[in-house]
Amino acid sequence: MKSVITILFLLSLLLFASAIWNILSLKRPGFYPPKQVLKKRASSLAGGGALFLILSILLSSI
């Protein structure tokens, strides 16, 4: 059970890091995906990261 919680926590960190990467890509000039696509991608990655973080916290409290 502990390994599942660790994997979920690491997955949430990876999703948050990817969301930050997409947010920082908005500042770069000439980056290919349009800004609206990057904003949508960053928000969905951050939402997934929050979901996995909450799930790992709930499972660790059991």
Protein backbone atom coordinates (compact mmCIF):
# COMPACT_ATOMS: atom_id res chain seq x y z
CA MET A 1 0.00 0.00 0.00
CA LYS A 2 2.87 2.34 0.80
CA SER A 3 4.33 1.94 -2.69
CA VAL A 4 0.99 2.92 -4.26
CA ILE A 5 0.90 6.09 -2.18
CA THR A 6 4.48 6.90 -3.17
CA ILE A 7 3.70 6.39 -6.86
CA LEU A 8 0.60 8.62 -6.63
CA PHE A 9 2.57 11.33 -4.84
CA LEU A 10 5.38 11.22 -7.41
CA LEU A 11 2.83 11.32 -10.22
CA SER A 12 1.27 14.43 -8.71
CA LEU A 13 4.70 16.09 -8.50
CA LEU A 14 5.36 15.20 -12.14
CA LEU A 15 2.04 16.68 -13.22
CA PHE A 16 2.67 19.88 -11.24
CA ALA A 17 6.15 20.18 -12.79
CA SER A 18 4.67 19.74 -16.26
CA ALA A 19 2.06 22.41 -15.53
CA ILE A 20 4.79 24.83 -14.42
CA TRP A 21 6.77 24.02 -17.58
CA ASN A 22 3.76 24.90 -19.73
CA ILE A 23 3.15 28.12 -17.81
CA LEU A 24 6.77 29.14 -18.29
CA SER A 25 6.47 28.34 -22.00
CA LEU A 26 3.86 31.08 -22.27
CA LYS A 27 6.57 33.68 -21.61
CA ARG A 28 8.83 32.48 -24.43
CA PRO A 29 8.46 34.20 -27.79
CA GLY A 30 7.93 32.04 -30.84
CA PHE A 31 6.88 28.91 -28.99
CA TYR A 32 4.80 26.70 -31.32
CA PRO A 33 1.60 25.76 -29.52
CA PRO A 34 -0.77 28.71 -29.28
CA LYS A 35 -1.09 30.33 -25.89
CA GLN A 36 -4.67 29.14 -25.44
CA VAL A 37 -3.54 25.54 -25.93
CA LEU A 38 -0.74 25.98 -23.39
CA LYS A 39 -3.12 27.53 -20.84
CA LYS A 40 -5.62 24.70 -21.29
CA ARG A 41 -2.87 22.08 -21.03
CA ALA A 42 -1.39 23.69 -17.91
CA SER A 43 -4.75 23.88 -16.16
CA SER A 44 -5.58 20.24 -16.92
CA LEU A 45 -2.14 19.10 -15.73
CA ALA A 46 -2.48 21.10 -12.52
CA GLY A 47 -5.97 19.70 -11.95
CA GLY A 48 -4.69 16.17 -12.40
CA GLY A 49 -1.81 16.88 -10.05
CA ALA A 50 -4.18 18.19 -7.41
CA LEU A 51 -6.43 15.15 -7.81
CA PHE A 52 -3.55 12.70 -7.37
CA LEU A 53 -2.18 14.69 -4.42
CA ILE A 54 -5.53 14.63 -2.63
CA LEU A 55 -5.90 10.93 -3.38
CA SER A 56 -2.43 10.13 -2.02
CA ILE A 57 -3.12 12.16 1.15
CA LEU A 58 -6.43 10.38 1.68
CA LEU A 59 -4.85 6.96 1.19
CA SER A 60 -1.96 7.75 3.53
CA SER A 61 -4.35 8.73 6.32
CA ILE A 62 -6.08 5.34 6.23
